Amino acid sequence: MGPGISKRMPVVVAMLTAVVIGLGCAGVTSDGPVDGGESLPTGLSGDDVLLRVEEVGGFVHPATALTRLPSFTLYGDGRVITPDPTSGYPEPTLPTLSVRRLATADLDALVRAAIAAGVGDPGIDYGNPSVTDLPSTRVTLRTSGGERVTEVYALRVAQADSTLRRAQQAARQRLRDFIARLADAPLVPPAGEPYQPRALAALAWPYLASPDKSPRPARPWPGQALPTVQYQVAGMTCVVVTGEALATLLQEASTADELTPWTSGGGEWSVRLRPLLPDETSCEDLHA
């Protein structure tokens, strides 16, 4: 398969308390995970990840896998970055994200809610449902006890599966409930503000026109000529764009989509862009 495919503090505290209580009612029983006294880690910088939810793996094109964005990233300074929803085909070349904040007073409660949901508990058996080619959901949490990671295959499959025992189904539901309730966390401003990336990772490969695709006008590629091999994976090259070239690319890409060809070095290229998050600096930070 070729690369061309794919305020009020009382209100805040009350809302987060409801999230935590809801998680407790969603299946944390006497034989479930406990927090072990862990809480917020000390010495976090603003760009350190406190909690991240992302999908990894699955049967998708490498360009799609490498440019996937975490669905929820909480940083040490309370910033929460989430991707904006998209719909339809073709998708925009440049995905956009929004930034909101969680009050500092609520960070510890969220950490404890994640632990109560089972994040990082090595004793929980999630089983393996009888489906294929789906991604896994990875939840990464940093606490006073260190980094906790839970990765569950096909977590989004919510229906009962005869291959899963009742305890496995309950564990999956507990984690799904926690992730779903992140959307109801007391973030401000509710609508979010646009995330302004300091850098973009650009995956590029030779452009192939197709008769079943509406032609797009080519865009001039700013900065270093393509293909610039800073990092190579799955037949694609990756380069990080910063500085003046970044400003130009952000403007051009805002009206381009995944079918847009880009001209550089006498050739035409297909390009997928991935905004780098505050904790990311290079193409090596992208994970399929």
Protein backbone atom coordinates (compact mmCIF):
# COMPACT_ATOMS: atom_id res chain seq x y z
CA MET A 1 0.00 0.00 0.00
CA GLY A 2 1.54 3.30 -1.12
CA PRO A 3 1.92 6.39 1.04
CA GLY A 4 -0.61 8.41 -0.93
CA ILE A 5 -3.62 6.92 1.05
CA SER A 6 -4.83 8.40 3.96
CA LYS A 7 -15.49 31.05 38.13
CA ARG A 8 -15.43 30.46 39.80
CA MET A 9 -13.54 28.07 42.04
CA PRO A 10 -16.55 26.57 43.89
CA VAL A 11 -18.08 25.57 40.56
CA VAL A 12 -14.79 24.12 39.34
CA VAL A 13 -14.25 22.07 42.47
CA ALA A 14 -17.83 20.86 42.50
CA MET A 15 -17.66 19.72 38.89
CA LEU A 16 -14.43 17.83 39.30
CA THR A 17 -15.73 16.25 42.49
CA ALA A 18 -18.68 14.99 40.46
CA VAL A 19 -16.26 13.47 37.95
CA VAL A 20 -14.35 11.66 40.69
CA ILE A 21 -17.53 10.44 42.39
CA GLY A 22 -18.85 9.28 39.04
CA LEU A 23 -15.70 7.29 38.43
CA GLY A 24 -16.03 5.68 41.82
CA CYS A 25 -19.56 4.59 40.98
CA ALA A 26 -18.46 3.20 37.63
CA GLY A 27 -16.98 0.01 38.93
CA VAL A 28 -14.22 0.62 41.50
CA THR A 29 -15.00 -2.04 44.07
CA SER A 30 -13.23 -3.47 47.08
CA ASP A 31 -11.20 -5.79 44.87
CA GLY A 32 -10.40 -3.03 42.33
CA PRO A 33 -7.38 -0.76 42.08
CA VAL A 34 -6.50 1.64 44.87
CA ASP A 35 -4.37 4.77 44.70
CA GLY A 36 -1.69 3.71 47.18
CA GLY A 37 -1.39 7.27 48.46
CA GLU A 38 0.00 8.63 45.18
CA SER A 39 -0.71 12.20 44.18
CA LEU A 40 0.73 14.98 42.03
CA PRO A 41 4.44 14.68 41.28
CA THR A 42 6.73 17.46 42.40
CA GLY A 43 8.95 19.56 40.16
CA LEU A 44 6.75 19.44 37.06
CA SER A 45 7.50 22.05 34.40
CA GLY A 46 4.78 23.58 32.28
CA ASP A 47 5.66 21.34 29.33
CA ASP A 48 5.77 18.07 31.29
CA VAL A 49 2.90 15.70 30.52
CA LEU A 50 0.75 14.85 33.52
CA LEU A 51 -1.94 12.84 31.70
CA ARG A 52 -2.25 11.77 28.08
CA VAL A 53 -4.78 9.65 26.21
CA GLU A 54 -3.89 8.48 22.70
CA GLU A 55 -4.48 5.72 20.19
CA VAL A 56 -1.61 3.65 18.85
CA GLY A 57 -1.28 0.86 16.32
CA GLY A 58 -4.13 -0.56 14.30
CA PHE A 59 -4.44 -1.20 10.58
CA VAL A 60 -4.02 2.32 9.23
CA HIS A 61 -1.65 3.90 6.76
CA PRO A 62 1.71 4.84 8.30
CA ALA A 63 1.13 8.53 7.52
CA THR A 64 -2.14 8.40 9.44
CA ALA A 65 -0.54 6.59 12.35
CA LEU A 66 2.38 9.02 12.58
CA THR A 67 0.25 12.15 12.41
CA ARG A 68 -2.39 11.02 14.92
CA LEU A 69 -2.81 13.45 17.79
CA PRO A 70 -3.52 12.48 21.39
CA SER A 71 -7.18 12.97 22.21
CA PHE A 72 -6.30 14.56 25.58
CA THR A 73 -3.03 15.93 26.96
CA LEU A 74 -2.79 17.59 30.37
CA TYR A 75 0.43 19.44 31.20
CA GLY A 76 2.00 20.30 34.51
CA ASP A 77 0.82 23.92 34.37
CA GLY A 78 -2.81 22.86 33.92
CA ARG A 79 -3.00 23.35 30.15
CA VAL A 80 -5.16 20.83 28.32
CA ILE A 81 -4.65 20.40 24.57
CA THR A 82 -7.20 18.52 22.48
CA PRO A 83 -7.62 18.17 18.69
CA ASP A 84 -10.52 19.95 17.07
CA PRO A 85 -13.08 17.66 15.42
CA THR A 86 -12.94 17.12 11.67
CA SER A 87 -15.43 15.53 9.35
CA GLY A 88 -15.57 14.31 5.81
CA TYR A 89 -13.02 13.57 3.14
CA PRO A 90 -10.51 14.87 2.30
CA GLU A 91 -9.21 15.97 5.68
CA PRO A 92 -7.34 19.26 6.04
CA THR A 93 -3.58 19.15 5.64
CA LEU A 94 -3.16 20.94 8.94
CA PRO A 95 -5.13 19.63 11.92
CA THR A 96 -5.99 22.25 14.52
CA LEU A 97 -6.06 21.99 18.29
CA SER A 98 -7.55 23.90 21.19
CA VAL A 99 -6.04 24.89 24.52
CA ARG A 100 -7.94 25.15 27.80
CA ARG A 101 -6.93 25.03 31.44
CA LEU A 102 -7.70 22.99 34.50
CA ALA A 103 -7.43 24.82 37.81
CA THR A 104 -4.32 23.91 39.78
CA ALA A 105 -6.47 22.96 42.76
CA ASP A 106 -8.14 20.25 40.66
CA LEU A 107 -5.04 18.52 39.28
CA ASP A 108 -4.56 16.25 42.29
CA ALA A 109 -8.18 15.10 42.17
CA LEU A 110 -7.83 14.22 38.50
CA VAL A 111 -4.68 12.20 39.18
CA ARG A 112 -6.48 10.24 41.90
CA ALA A 113 -9.46 9.67 39.60
CA ALA A 114 -7.14 8.22 36.95
CA ILE A 115 -5.55 5.88 39.49
CA ALA A 116 -8.99 4.83 40.74
CA ALA A 117 -9.90 4.00 37.13
CA GLY A 118 -6.97 1.59 36.99
CA VAL A 119 -4.38 3.56 35.03
CA GLY A 120 -1.00 1.94 35.51
CA ASP A 121 -2.21 -0.94 37.66
CA PRO A 122 -0.26 -4.01 36.44
CA GLY A 123 -2.69 -6.37 38.16
CA ILE A 124 -5.66 -5.52 35.94
CA ASP A 125 -6.48 -7.98 33.16
CA TYR A 126 -8.28 -6.33 30.24
CA GLY A 127 -8.33 -9.41 28.03
CA ASN A 128 -8.27 -9.40 24.24
CA PRO A 129 -11.56 -9.09 22.35
CA SER A 130 -12.06 -11.17 19.21
CA VAL A 131 -11.63 -8.28 16.75
CA THR A 132 -8.72 -7.46 14.49
CA ASP A 133 -6.86 -4.44 13.09
CA LEU A 134 -8.12 -1.96 15.68
CA PRO A 135 -5.89 0.48 17.58
CA SER A 136 -5.01 0.27 21.25
CA THR A 137 -5.78 3.06 23.71
CA ARG A 138 -2.79 4.18 25.73
CA VAL A 139 -3.20 6.24 28.91
CA THR A 140 -0.06 7.74 30.44
CA LEU A 141 -0.13 9.28 33.90
CA ARG A 142 2.65 10.85 35.95
CA THR A 143 2.27 10.73 39.74
CA SER A 144 4.41 11.15 42.83
CA GLY A 145 5.21 7.45 42.46
CA GLY A 146 6.46 7.74 38.88
CA GLU A 147 5.00 7.13 35.44
CA ARG A 148 1.98 4.87 35.05
CA VAL A 149 1.01 3.50 31.64
CA THR A 150 -1.98 1.41 30.63
CA GLU A 151 -2.47 0.21 27.05
CA VAL A 152 -5.64 -1.66 26.13
CA TYR A 153 -6.37 -3.17 22.74
CA ALA A 154 -9.69 -2.25 21.11
CA LEU A 155 -10.91 -0.35 24.15
CA ARG A 156 -13.51 1.47 22.07
CA VAL A 157 -15.34 -1.82 21.47
CA ALA A 158 -17.97 -1.45 24.18
CA GLN A 159 -20.32 -4.29 23.35
CA ALA A 160 -20.08 -7.53 25.26
CA ASP A 161 -17.56 -9.98 23.81
CA SER A 162 -17.90 -13.65 24.60
CA THR A 163 -14.11 -13.96 24.76
CA LEU A 164 -13.94 -11.49 27.65
CA ARG A 165 -14.69 -12.48 31.21
CA ARG A 166 -16.99 -10.33 33.32
CA ALA A 167 -14.08 -8.87 35.30
CA GLN A 168 -12.27 -7.94 32.07
CA GLN A 169 -15.36 -6.24 30.71
CA ALA A 170 -15.77 -4.33 33.98
CA ALA A 171 -12.15 -3.18 33.89
CA ARG A 172 -12.54 -1.96 30.32
CA GLN A 173 -15.75 -0.13 31.18
CA ARG A 174 -14.10 1.55 34.17
CA LEU A 175 -11.32 2.92 31.95
CA ARG A 176 -13.77 3.94 29.21
CA ASP A 177 -15.86 5.82 31.76
CA PHE A 178 -12.82 7.72 33.01
CA ILE A 179 -11.79 8.75 29.49
CA ALA A 180 -15.35 9.77 28.59
CA ARG A 181 -15.60 11.94 31.71
CA LEU A 182 -12.49 13.88 30.71
CA ALA A 183 -14.74 15.68 28.24
CA ASP A 184 -16.74 16.97 31.22
CA ALA A 185 -13.76 18.18 33.24
CA PRO A 186 -14.06 21.84 34.36
CA LEU A 187 -11.85 23.36 31.69
CA VAL A 188 -11.70 27.08 30.95
CA PRO A 189 -12.49 28.68 28.64
CA PRO A 190 -15.10 26.06 27.72
CA ALA A 191 -14.74 26.67 23.98
CA GLY A 192 -10.95 26.70 24.13
CA GLU A 193 -8.39 28.90 22.43
CA PRO A 194 -6.44 28.01 19.25
CA TYR A 195 -3.19 26.18 19.88
CA GLN A 196 -0.25 27.95 18.23
CA PRO A 197 2.43 25.33 17.47
CA ARG A 198 6.08 26.26 17.75
CA ALA A 199 6.93 23.68 15.10
CA LEU A 200 5.30 21.37 12.56
CA ALA A 201 6.45 17.90 11.56
CA ALA A 202 5.94 17.36 7.83
CA LEU A 203 5.78 13.87 6.33
CA ALA A 204 6.40 13.90 2.57
CA TRP A 205 6.37 11.41 -0.30
CA PRO A 206 6.12 11.72 -4.14
CA TYR A 207 2.74 13.01 -5.25
CA LEU A 208 0.65 10.68 -7.40
CA ALA A 209 -2.36 12.15 -9.19
CA SER A 210 -5.44 9.96 -9.34
CA PRO A 211 -8.34 10.22 -11.82
CA ASP A 212 -10.90 9.70 -9.05
CA LYS A 213 -9.62 12.67 -7.03
CA SER A 214 -10.53 16.27 -7.76
CA PRO A 215 -7.36 18.11 -8.78
CA ARG A 216 -5.99 20.70 -6.37
CA PRO A 217 -3.75 23.64 -7.24
CA ALA A 218 -0.18 23.01 -6.16
CA ARG A 219 1.26 25.03 -3.29
CA PRO A 220 4.89 26.15 -3.06
CA TRP A 221 6.70 24.47 -0.18
CA PRO A 222 8.42 26.98 2.14
CA GLY A 223 11.83 26.46 3.68
CA GLN A 224 14.11 23.51 2.98
CA ALA A 225 13.60 21.67 -0.29
CA LEU A 226 11.72 18.39 -0.17
CA PRO A 227 12.57 15.65 0.40
CA THR A 228 14.73 16.68 3.32
CA VAL A 229 15.70 13.56 5.19
CA GLN A 230 15.87 14.46 8.84
CA TYR A 231 14.01 11.28 9.68
CA GLN A 232 12.74 8.52 7.42
CA VAL A 233 10.03 5.95 8.08
CA ALA A 234 7.80 3.73 5.94
CA GLY A 235 9.04 5.26 2.68
CA MET A 236 8.31 8.80 3.82
CA THR A 237 10.65 11.54 4.89
CA CYS A 238 10.01 13.83 7.81
CA VAL A 239 11.27 17.33 8.49
CA VAL A 240 10.49 19.79 11.28
CA VAL A 241 9.47 23.27 10.12
CA THR A 242 10.12 26.28 12.37
CA GLY A 243 10.81 30.01 12.17
CA GLU A 244 9.82 32.07 9.13
CA ALA A 245 9.03 28.96 7.09
CA LEU A 246 6.58 27.91 9.81
CA ALA A 247 4.63 31.16 9.56
CA THR A 248 4.36 30.81 5.77
CA LEU A 249 3.40 27.15 5.96
CA LEU A 250 0.70 27.77 8.57
CA GLN A 251 -0.91 30.30 6.27
CA GLU A 252 -0.70 28.12 3.15
CA ALA A 253 -1.79 24.93 4.88
CA SER A 254 -4.85 26.54 6.46
CA THR A 255 -6.65 26.26 3.10
CA ALA A 256 -5.09 23.01 1.85
CA ASP A 257 -6.23 19.42 2.28
CA GLU A 258 -4.64 16.00 2.12
CA LEU A 259 -4.99 15.87 -1.68
CA THR A 260 -3.06 19.11 -2.22
CA PRO A 261 0.27 18.71 -4.04
CA TRP A 262 3.26 20.73 -2.85
CA THR A 263 6.05 21.80 -5.20
CA SER A 264 9.68 21.69 -4.14
CA GLY A 265 13.00 20.93 -5.82
CA GLY A 266 11.38 20.48 -9.22
CA GLY A 267 8.94 17.83 -8.00
CA GLU A 268 5.50 17.50 -6.48
CA TRP A 269 4.90 16.00 -3.06
CA SER A 270 2.08 14.77 -0.89
CA VAL A 271 2.44 16.16 2.63
CA ARG A 272 0.84 15.41 5.98
CA LEU A 273 1.41 17.94 8.73
CA ARG A 274 1.47 17.25 12.44
CA PRO A 275 1.65 20.14 14.94
CA LEU A 276 4.27 19.31 17.55
CA LEU A 277 2.94 19.53 21.09
CA PRO A 278 4.79 21.40 23.86
CA ASP A 279 6.67 18.27 24.98
CA GLU A 280 7.68 17.33 21.41
CA THR A 281 10.67 18.65 19.45
CA SER A 282 11.42 16.28 16.56
CA CYS A 283 10.10 13.70 14.11
CA GLU A 284 11.31 11.00 16.49
CA ASP A 285 8.56 12.09 18.88
CA LEU A 286 5.89 10.81 16.47
CA HIS A 287 4.70 7.31 17.27
CA ALA A 288 2.75 5.01 15.01
